[in-house]
Each structure stands twice: as structure tokens, then as C-alpha cells.
């Protein structure tokens, strides 16, 4: 699972609005707004969280697990051009 803070940070890194995340994930914008109004782990149905995480990862974000420094997100390193 991942946190609401990670989801918001991932959206910010991608410069995505809630509407853009809704379009990419197939989750409605009101659902995303409701989920982001809370703190803690992303709530709702497991498949909703899976769709959101997958869309953010497809957009280029990596979720960083808790490793003593706190969970987070970062942009995936782009492949070098040949």
C-alpha cells in the first residue's frame, strides 16, 4: 500500500491535476479528491489503490518503501539516449 502523502507528492512530481490522474487511472476525480482529503494510507477498495499506483508508476514515478528515512516517491531515471 502507499500513503496519501505519497500520492499527492507523486502527482506534484508529474505536474498532474486530480483530473489528469483520474483520466490516467480510470478512477473518478471525486473519488481521488475524497481519498486525498484524508491522511494516512490510501483508503477505499484495494483495486482503486492499485489503479492509482499503477497510473502514477506508468507516468514515471517510483514509490520508495520505508527504509529508516521514511517512505517517499521519486521520478524514475530516464534511459540515456543513444
PDB file of N, CA and C in Angstrom:
ATOM      1  N   UNK A   1       0.845  -1.183   0.000  1.00  0.00           N
ATOM      2  CA  UNK A   1       0.000   0.000   0.000  1.00  0.00           C
ATOM      3  C   UNK A   1       0.893   1.250   0.000  1.00  0.00           C
ATOM      4  N   UNK A   2       0.311   2.372  -0.177  1.00  0.00           N
ATOM      5  CA  UNK A   2       1.045   3.632  -0.186  1.00  0.00           C
ATOM      6  C   UNK A   2       0.186   4.695   0.498  1.00  0.00           C
ATOM      7  N   UNK A   3       0.810   5.801   0.826  1.00  0.00           N
ATOM      8  CA  UNK A   3       0.116   6.820   1.605  1.00  0.00           C
ATOM      9  C   UNK A   3      -0.474   7.910   0.716  1.00  0.00           C
ATOM     10  N   UNK A   4      -1.409   8.647   1.288  1.00  0.00           N
ATOM     11  CA  UNK A   4      -1.999   9.796   0.604  1.00  0.00           C
ATOM     12  C   UNK A   4      -0.914  10.828   0.317  1.00  0.00           C
ATOM     13  N   UNK A   5      -0.004  11.020   1.239  1.00  0.00           N
ATOM     14  CA  UNK A   5       1.088  11.983   1.023  1.00  0.00           C
ATOM     15  C   UNK A   5       1.963  11.573  -0.158  1.00  0.00           C
ATOM     16  N   UNK A   6       2.220  10.264  -0.294  1.00  0.00           N
ATOM     17  CA  UNK A   6       2.984   9.788  -1.438  1.00  0.00           C
ATOM     18  C   UNK A   6       2.212  10.033  -2.741  1.00  0.00           C
ATOM     19  N   UNK A   7       0.908   9.816  -2.717  1.00  0.00           N
ATOM     20  CA  UNK A   7       0.091  10.029  -3.911  1.00  0.00           C
ATOM     21  C   UNK A   7       0.125  11.503  -4.315  1.00  0.00           C
ATOM     22  N   UNK A   8      -0.040  12.391  -3.351  1.00  0.00           N
ATOM     23  CA  UNK A   8      -0.006  13.825  -3.643  1.00  0.00           C
ATOM     24  C   UNK A   8       1.375  14.244  -4.154  1.00  0.00           C
ATOM     25  N   UNK A   9       2.421  13.721  -3.538  1.00  0.00           N
ATOM     26  CA  UNK A   9       3.782  14.048  -3.963  1.00  0.00           C
ATOM     27  C   UNK A   9       4.039  13.522  -5.376  1.00  0.00           C
ATOM     28  N   UNK A  10       3.552  12.340  -5.666  1.00  0.00           N
ATOM     29  CA  UNK A  10       3.722  11.762  -7.000  1.00  0.00           C
ATOM     30  C   UNK A  10       3.010  12.615  -8.050  1.00  0.00           C
ATOM     31  N   UNK A  11       1.800  13.054  -7.740  1.00  0.00           N
ATOM     32  CA  UNK A  11       1.065  13.938  -8.660  1.00  0.00           C
ATOM     33  C   UNK A  11       1.841  15.233  -8.893  1.00  0.00           C
ATOM     34  N   UNK A  12       2.408  15.772  -7.818  1.00  0.00           N
ATOM     35  CA  UNK A  12       3.171  17.019  -7.924  1.00  0.00           C
ATOM     36  C   UNK A  12       4.412  16.828  -8.802  1.00  0.00           C
ATOM     37  N   UNK A  13       5.123  15.713  -8.627  1.00  0.00           N
ATOM     38  CA  UNK A  13       6.307  15.452  -9.442  1.00  0.00           C
ATOM     39  C   UNK A  13       5.958  15.355 -10.923  1.00  0.00           C
ATOM     40  N   UNK A  14       4.793  14.798 -11.215  1.00  0.00           N
ATOM     41  CA  UNK A  14       4.352  14.648 -12.604  1.00  0.00           C
ATOM     42  C   UNK A  14       3.621  15.884 -13.121  1.00  0.00           C
ATOM     43  N   UNK A  15       3.347  16.839 -12.221  1.00  0.00           N
ATOM     44  CA  UNK A  15       2.565  18.038 -12.544  1.00  0.00           C
ATOM     45  C   UNK A  15       1.183  17.651 -13.073  1.00  0.00           C
ATOM     46  N   UNK A  16       0.581  16.641 -12.420  1.00  0.00           N
ATOM     47  CA  UNK A  16      -0.754  16.159 -12.779  1.00  0.00           C
ATOM     48  C   UNK A  16      -1.791  16.740 -11.834  1.00  0.00           C
ATOM     49  N   UNK A  17      -2.912  17.135 -12.376  1.00  0.00           N
ATOM     50  CA  UNK A  17      -4.069  17.521 -11.569  1.00  0.00           C
ATOM     51  C   UNK A  17      -4.792  16.248 -11.142  1.00  0.00           C
ATOM     52  N   UNK A  18      -5.759  16.413 -10.262  1.00  0.00           N
ATOM     53  CA  UNK A  18      -6.586  15.258  -9.897  1.00  0.00           C
ATOM     54  C   UNK A  18      -7.306  14.727 -11.136  1.00  0.00           C
ATOM     55  N   UNK A  19      -7.722  15.617 -12.021  1.00  0.00           N
ATOM     56  CA  UNK A  19      -8.399  15.209 -13.250  1.00  0.00           C
ATOM     57  C   UNK A  19      -7.504  14.392 -14.170  1.00  0.00           C
ATOM     58  N   UNK A  20      -6.237  14.784 -14.246  1.00  0.00           N
ATOM     59  CA  UNK A  20      -5.291  14.032 -15.080  1.00  0.00           C
ATOM     60  C   UNK A  20      -5.029  12.645 -14.497  1.00  0.00           C
ATOM     61  N   UNK A  21      -4.924  12.560 -13.171  1.00  0.00           N
ATOM     62  CA  UNK A  21      -4.769  11.253 -12.537  1.00  0.00           C
ATOM     63  C   UNK A  21      -6.017  10.408 -12.750  1.00  0.00           C
ATOM     64  N   UNK A  22      -7.185  11.027 -12.679  1.00  0.00           N
ATOM     65  CA  UNK A  22      -8.437  10.305 -12.914  1.00  0.00           C
ATOM     66  C   UNK A  22      -8.445   9.711 -14.319  1.00  0.00           C
ATOM     67  N   UNK A  23      -8.055  10.502 -15.285  1.00  0.00           N
ATOM     68  CA  UNK A  23      -8.040  10.036 -16.677  1.00  0.00           C
ATOM     69  C   UNK A  23      -7.045   8.899 -16.861  1.00  0.00           C
ATOM     70  N   UNK A  24      -5.869   9.023 -16.262  1.00  0.00           N
ATOM     71  CA  UNK A  24      -4.820   8.004 -16.413  1.00  0.00           C
ATOM     72  C   UNK A  24      -5.148   6.706 -15.683  1.00  0.00           C
ATOM     73  N   UNK A  25      -5.898   6.808 -14.583  1.00  0.00           N
ATOM     74  CA  UNK A  25      -6.150   5.635 -13.740  1.00  0.00           C
ATOM     75  C   UNK A  25      -7.513   4.985 -13.947  1.00  0.00           C
ATOM     76  N   UNK A  26      -8.470   5.736 -14.478  1.00  0.00           N
ATOM     77  CA  UNK A  26      -9.827   5.212 -14.579  1.00  0.00           C
ATOM     78  C   UNK A  26     -10.601   5.319 -13.277  1.00  0.00           C
ATOM     79  N   UNK A  27     -10.055   6.062 -12.313  1.00  0.00           N
ATOM     80  CA  UNK A  27     -10.727   6.317 -11.033  1.00  0.00           C
ATOM     81  C   UNK A  27     -11.334   7.714 -11.129  1.00  0.00           C
ATOM     82  N   UNK A  28     -12.556   7.887 -10.644  1.00  0.00           N
ATOM     83  CA  UNK A  28     -13.217   9.182 -10.802  1.00  0.00           C
ATOM     84  C   UNK A  28     -12.504  10.277 -10.008  1.00  0.00           C
ATOM     85  N   UNK A  29     -12.590  11.492 -10.544  1.00  0.00           N
ATOM     86  CA  UNK A  29     -11.978  12.638  -9.880  1.00  0.00           C
ATOM     87  C   UNK A  29     -12.560  12.870  -8.481  1.00  0.00           C
ATOM     88  N   UNK A  30     -13.898  12.758  -8.285  1.00  0.00           N
ATOM     89  CA  UNK A  30     -14.419  12.918  -6.920  1.00  0.00           C
ATOM     90  C   UNK A  30     -13.863  11.873  -5.948  1.00  0.00           C
ATOM     91  N   UNK A  31     -13.608  10.661  -6.426  1.00  0.00           N
ATOM     92  CA  UNK A  31     -13.028   9.632  -5.556  1.00  0.00           C
ATOM     93  C   UNK A  31     -11.610  10.013  -5.169  1.00  0.00           C
ATOM     94  N   UNK A  32     -10.828  10.505  -6.133  1.00  0.00           N
ATOM     95  CA  UNK A  32      -9.461  10.927  -5.836  1.00  0.00           C
ATOM     96  C   UNK A  32      -9.476  12.080  -4.832  1.00  0.00           C
ATOM     97  N   UNK A  33     -10.363  13.044  -5.036  1.00  0.00           N
ATOM     98  CA  UNK A  33     -10.470  14.180  -4.113  1.00  0.00           C
ATOM     99  C   UNK A  33     -10.831  13.699  -2.706  1.00  0.00           C
ATOM    100  N   UNK A  34     -11.747  12.741  -2.624  1.00  0.00           N
ATOM    101  CA  UNK A  34     -12.145  12.208  -1.317  1.00  0.00           C
ATOM    102  C   UNK A  34     -10.977  11.496  -0.647  1.00  0.00           C
ATOM    103  N   UNK A  35     -10.261  10.666  -1.407  1.00  0.00           N
ATOM    104  CA  UNK A  35      -9.122   9.946  -0.843  1.00  0.00           C
ATOM    105  C   UNK A  35      -8.029  10.910  -0.379  1.00  0.00           C
ATOM    106  N   UNK A  36      -7.795  11.970  -1.166  1.00  0.00           N
ATOM    107  CA  UNK A  36      -6.745  12.931  -0.820  1.00  0.00           C
ATOM    108  C   UNK A  36      -7.140  13.869   0.319  1.00  0.00           C
ATOM    109  N   UNK A  37      -8.401  13.872   0.705  1.00  0.00           N
ATOM    110  CA  UNK A  37      -8.825  14.723   1.820  1.00  0.00           C
ATOM    111  C   UNK A  37      -8.473  14.111   3.167  1.00  0.00           C
ATOM    112  N   UNK A  38      -8.070  12.860   3.164  1.00  0.00           N
ATOM    113  CA  UNK A  38      -7.676  12.158   4.386  1.00  0.00           C
ATOM    114  C   UNK A  38      -6.156  12.125   4.484  1.00  0.00           C
ATOM    115  N   UNK A  39      -5.653  11.610   5.596  1.00  0.00           N
ATOM    116  CA  UNK A  39      -4.224  11.392   5.768  1.00  0.00           C
ATOM    117  C   UNK A  39      -4.022   9.915   6.055  1.00  0.00           C
ATOM    118  N   UNK A  40      -2.815   9.446   5.959  1.00  0.00           N
ATOM    119  CA  UNK A  40      -2.528   8.040   6.218  1.00  0.00           C
ATOM    120  C   UNK A  40      -2.490   7.249   4.920  1.00  0.00           C
ATOM    121  N   UNK A  41      -2.758   5.952   5.036  1.00  0.00           N
ATOM    122  CA  UNK A  41      -2.752   5.079   3.865  1.00  0.00           C
ATOM    123  C   UNK A  41      -3.923   5.418   2.950  1.00  0.00           C
ATOM    124  N   UNK A  42      -3.729   5.209   1.650  1.00  0.00           N
ATOM    125  CA  UNK A  42      -4.816   5.429   0.700  1.00  0.00           C
ATOM    126  C   UNK A  42      -5.920   4.445   1.034  1.00  0.00           C
ATOM    127  N   UNK A  43      -7.106   4.972   1.311  1.00  0.00           N
ATOM    128  CA  UNK A  43      -8.224   4.134   1.715  1.00  0.00           C
ATOM    129  C   UNK A  43      -9.008   3.634   0.527  1.00  0.00           C
ATOM    130  N   UNK A  44     -10.197   3.180   0.793  1.00  0.00           N
ATOM    131  CA  UNK A  44     -11.065   2.672  -0.264  1.00  0.00           C
ATOM    132  C   UNK A  44     -10.747   1.243  -0.629  1.00  0.00           C
ATOM    133  N   UNK A  45     -11.246   0.854  -1.785  1.00  0.00           N
ATOM    134  CA  UNK A  45     -11.051  -0.513  -2.251  1.00  0.00           C
ATOM    135  C   UNK A  45      -9.608  -0.727  -2.691  1.00  0.00           C
ATOM    136  N   UNK A  46      -9.129  -1.947  -2.498  1.00  0.00           N
ATOM    137  CA  UNK A  46      -7.753  -2.273  -2.878  1.00  0.00           C
ATOM    138  C   UNK A  46      -7.527  -2.041  -4.366  1.00  0.00           C
ATOM    139  N   UNK A  47      -8.511  -2.385  -5.199  1.00  0.00           N
ATOM    140  CA  UNK A  47      -8.324  -2.216  -6.648  1.00  0.00           C
ATOM    141  C   UNK A  47      -8.235  -0.739  -7.043  1.00  0.00           C
ATOM    142  N   UNK A  48      -8.874   0.139  -6.271  1.00  0.00           N
ATOM    143  CA  UNK A  48      -8.763   1.575  -6.537  1.00  0.00           C
ATOM    144  C   UNK A  48      -7.335   2.041  -6.286  1.00  0.00           C
ATOM    145  N   UNK A  49      -6.775   1.651  -5.170  1.00  0.00           N
ATOM    146  CA  UNK A  49      -5.384   1.991  -4.867  1.00  0.00           C
ATOM    147  C   UNK A  49      -4.429   1.421  -5.898  1.00  0.00           C
ATOM    148  N   UNK A  50      -4.697   0.195  -6.350  1.00  0.00           N
ATOM    149  CA  UNK A  50      -3.847  -0.430  -7.359  1.00  0.00           C
ATOM    150  C   UNK A  50      -3.878   0.360  -8.663  1.00  0.00           C
ATOM    151  N   UNK A  51      -5.064   0.816  -9.073  1.00  0.00           N
ATOM    152  CA  UNK A  51      -5.195   1.602 -10.307  1.00  0.00           C
ATOM    153  C   UNK A  51      -4.446   2.928 -10.195  1.00  0.00           C
ATOM    154  N   UNK A  52      -4.578   3.588  -9.042  1.00  0.00           N
ATOM    155  CA  UNK A  52      -3.909   4.870  -8.838  1.00  0.00           C
ATOM    156  C   UNK A  52      -2.396   4.706  -8.850  1.00  0.00           C
ATOM    157  N   UNK A  53      -1.905   3.728  -8.110  1.00  0.00           N
ATOM    158  CA  UNK A  53      -0.458   3.498  -8.049  1.00  0.00           C
ATOM    159  C   UNK A  53       0.092   3.128  -9.420  1.00  0.00           C
ATOM    160  N   UNK A  54      -0.605   2.257 -10.121  1.00  0.00           N
ATOM    161  CA  UNK A  54      -0.168   1.838 -11.447  1.00  0.00           C
ATOM    162  C   UNK A  54      -0.088   3.023 -12.406  1.00  0.00           C
ATOM    163  N   UNK A  55      -1.089   3.889 -12.392  1.00  0.00           N
ATOM    164  CA  UNK A  55      -1.103   5.057 -13.279  1.00  0.00           C
ATOM    165  C   UNK A  55       0.075   5.978 -12.963  1.00  0.00           C
ATOM    166  N   UNK A  56       0.349   6.194 -11.685  1.00  0.00           N
ATOM    167  CA  UNK A  56       1.465   7.060 -11.291  1.00  0.00           C
ATOM    168  C   UNK A  56       2.799   6.437 -11.691  1.00  0.00           C
ATOM    169  N   UNK A  57       2.917   5.126 -11.524  1.00  0.00           N
ATOM    170  CA  UNK A  57       4.149   4.446 -11.933  1.00  0.00           C
ATOM    171  C   UNK A  57       4.318   4.493 -13.457  1.00  0.00           C
ATOM    172  N   UNK A  58       3.241   4.320 -14.193  1.00  0.00           N
ATOM    173  CA  UNK A  58       3.309   4.414 -15.654  1.00  0.00           C
ATOM    174  C   UNK A  58       3.688   5.831 -16.082  1.00  0.00           C
ATOM    175  N   UNK A  59       3.320   6.810 -15.273  1.00  0.00           N
ATOM    176  CA  UNK A  59       3.684   8.198 -15.543  1.00  0.00           C
ATOM    177  C   UNK A  59       5.147   8.499 -15.288  1.00  0.00           C
ATOM    178  N   UNK A  60       5.837   7.612 -14.575  1.00  0.00           N
ATOM    179  CA  UNK A  60       7.270   7.796 -14.351  1.00  0.00           C
ATOM    180  C   UNK A  60       7.696   7.938 -12.910  1.00  0.00           C
ATOM    181  N   UNK A  61       6.805   7.622 -11.965  1.00  0.00           N
ATOM    182  CA  UNK A  61       7.126   7.761 -10.541  1.00  0.00           C
ATOM    183  C   UNK A  61       7.495   6.406  -9.956  1.00  0.00           C
ATOM    184  N   UNK A  62       8.468   6.399  -9.057  1.00  0.00           N
ATOM    185  CA  UNK A  62       8.803   5.214  -8.272  1.00  0.00           C
ATOM    186  C   UNK A  62       8.409   5.467  -6.832  1.00  0.00           C
ATOM    187  N   UNK A  63       7.772   4.490  -6.211  1.00  0.00           N
ATOM    188  CA  UNK A  63       7.432   4.578  -4.795  1.00  0.00           C
ATOM    189  C   UNK A  63       8.582   3.978  -4.009  1.00  0.00           C
ATOM    190  N   UNK A  64       9.053   4.721  -3.024  1.00  0.00           N
ATOM    191  CA  UNK A  64      10.184   4.302  -2.200  1.00  0.00           C
ATOM    192  C   UNK A  64       9.640   3.782  -0.878  1.00  0.00           C
ATOM    193  N   UNK A  65       9.966   2.533  -0.539  1.00  0.00           N
ATOM    194  CA  UNK A  65       9.452   1.972   0.717  1.00  0.00           C
ATOM    195  C   UNK A  65      10.121   2.594   1.937  1.00  0.00           C
ATOM    196  N   UNK A  66       9.514   2.398   3.081  1.00  0.00           N
ATOM    197  CA  UNK A  66      10.087   2.819   4.356  1.00  0.00           C
ATOM    198  C   UNK A  66      11.423   2.119   4.508  1.00  0.00           C
ATOM    199  N   UNK A  67      12.490   2.889   4.718  1.00  0.00           N
ATOM    200  CA  UNK A  67      13.821   2.284   4.849  1.00  0.00           C
ATOM    201  C   UNK A  67      14.616   2.941   5.968  1.00  0.00           C
ATOM    202  N   UNK A  68      13.914   3.436   6.939  1.00  0.00           N
ATOM    203  CA  UNK A  68      14.569   4.133   8.034  1.00  0.00           C
ATOM    204  C   UNK A  68      14.575   5.636   7.839  1.00  0.00           C
ATOM    205  N   UNK A  69      14.410   6.082   6.596  1.00  0.00           N
ATOM    206  CA  UNK A  69      14.382   7.507   6.302  1.00  0.00           C
ATOM    207  C   UNK A  69      12.991   7.979   5.929  1.00  0.00           C
ATOM    208  N   UNK A  70      12.041   7.098   5.940  1.00  0.00           N
ATOM    209  CA  UNK A  70      10.674   7.443   5.594  1.00  0.00           C
ATOM    210  C   UNK A  70      10.336   7.045   4.166  1.00  0.00           C
ATOM    211  N   UNK A  71       9.099   6.662   3.965  1.00  0.00           N
ATOM    212  CA  UNK A  71       8.622   6.312   2.630  1.00  0.00           C
ATOM    213  C   UNK A  71       8.552   7.564   1.778  1.00  0.00           C
ATOM    214  N   UNK A  72       8.663   7.403   0.467  1.00  0.00           N
ATOM    215  CA  UNK A  72       8.613   8.570  -0.403  1.00  0.00           C
ATOM    216  C   UNK A  72       8.334   8.199  -1.842  1.00  0.00           C
ATOM    217  N   UNK A  73       8.578   9.149  -2.732  1.00  0.00           N
ATOM    218  CA  UNK A  73       8.448   8.945  -4.169  1.00  0.00           C
ATOM    219  C   UNK A  73       9.569   9.704  -4.864  1.00  0.00           C
ATOM    220  N   UNK A  74       9.874   9.289  -6.070  1.00  0.00           N
ATOM    221  CA  UNK A  74      10.840   9.993  -6.901  1.00  0.00           C
ATOM    222  C   UNK A  74      10.521   9.708  -8.358  1.00  0.00           C
ATOM    223  N   UNK A  75      11.022  10.571  -9.224  1.00  0.00           N
ATOM    224  CA  UNK A  75      10.872  10.326 -10.653  1.00  0.00           C
ATOM    225  C   UNK A  75      11.854   9.244 -11.053  1.00  0.00           C
ATOM    226  N   UNK A  76      11.392   8.343 -11.894  1.00  0.00           N
ATOM    227  CA  UNK A  76      12.242   7.280 -12.394  1.00  0.00           C
ATOM    228  C   UNK A  76      13.313   7.893 -13.280  1.00  0.00           C
ATOM    229  N   UNK A  77      14.511   7.375 -13.203  1.00  0.00           N
ATOM    230  CA  UNK A  77      15.610   7.847 -14.025  1.00  0.00           C
ATOM    231  C   UNK A  77      15.310   7.505 -15.476  1.00  0.00           C
ATOM    232  N   UNK A  78      15.445   8.491 -16.342  1.00  0.00           N
ATOM    233  CA  UNK A  78      15.186   8.276 -17.761  1.00  0.00           C
ATOM    234  C   UNK A  78      16.365   7.533 -18.392  1.00  0.00           C
ATOM    235  N   UNK A  79      16.040   6.682 -19.339  1.00  0.00           N
ATOM    236  CA  UNK A  79      17.083   5.941 -20.048  1.00  0.00           C
ATOM    237  C   UNK A  79      17.917   6.920 -20.878  1.00  0.00           C
ATOM    238  N   UNK A  80      19.187   6.662 -20.934  1.00  0.00           N
ATOM    239  CA  UNK A  80      20.082   7.516 -21.715  1.00  0.00           C
ATOM    240  C   UNK A  80      19.751   7.375 -23.201  1.00  0.00           C
ATOM    241  N   UNK A  81      19.780   8.490 -23.920  1.00  0.00           N
ATOM    242  CA  UNK A  81      19.532   8.459 -25.362  1.00  0.00           C
ATOM    243  C   UNK A  81      20.768   7.939 -26.068  1.00  0.00           C
ATOM    244  N   UNK A  82      20.527   7.170 -27.118  1.00  0.00           N
ATOM    245  CA  UNK A  82      21.669   6.597 -27.864  1.00  0.00           C
ATOM    246  C   UNK A  82      21.851   7.298 -29.154  1.00  0.00           C
TER     247      UNK A  82
END
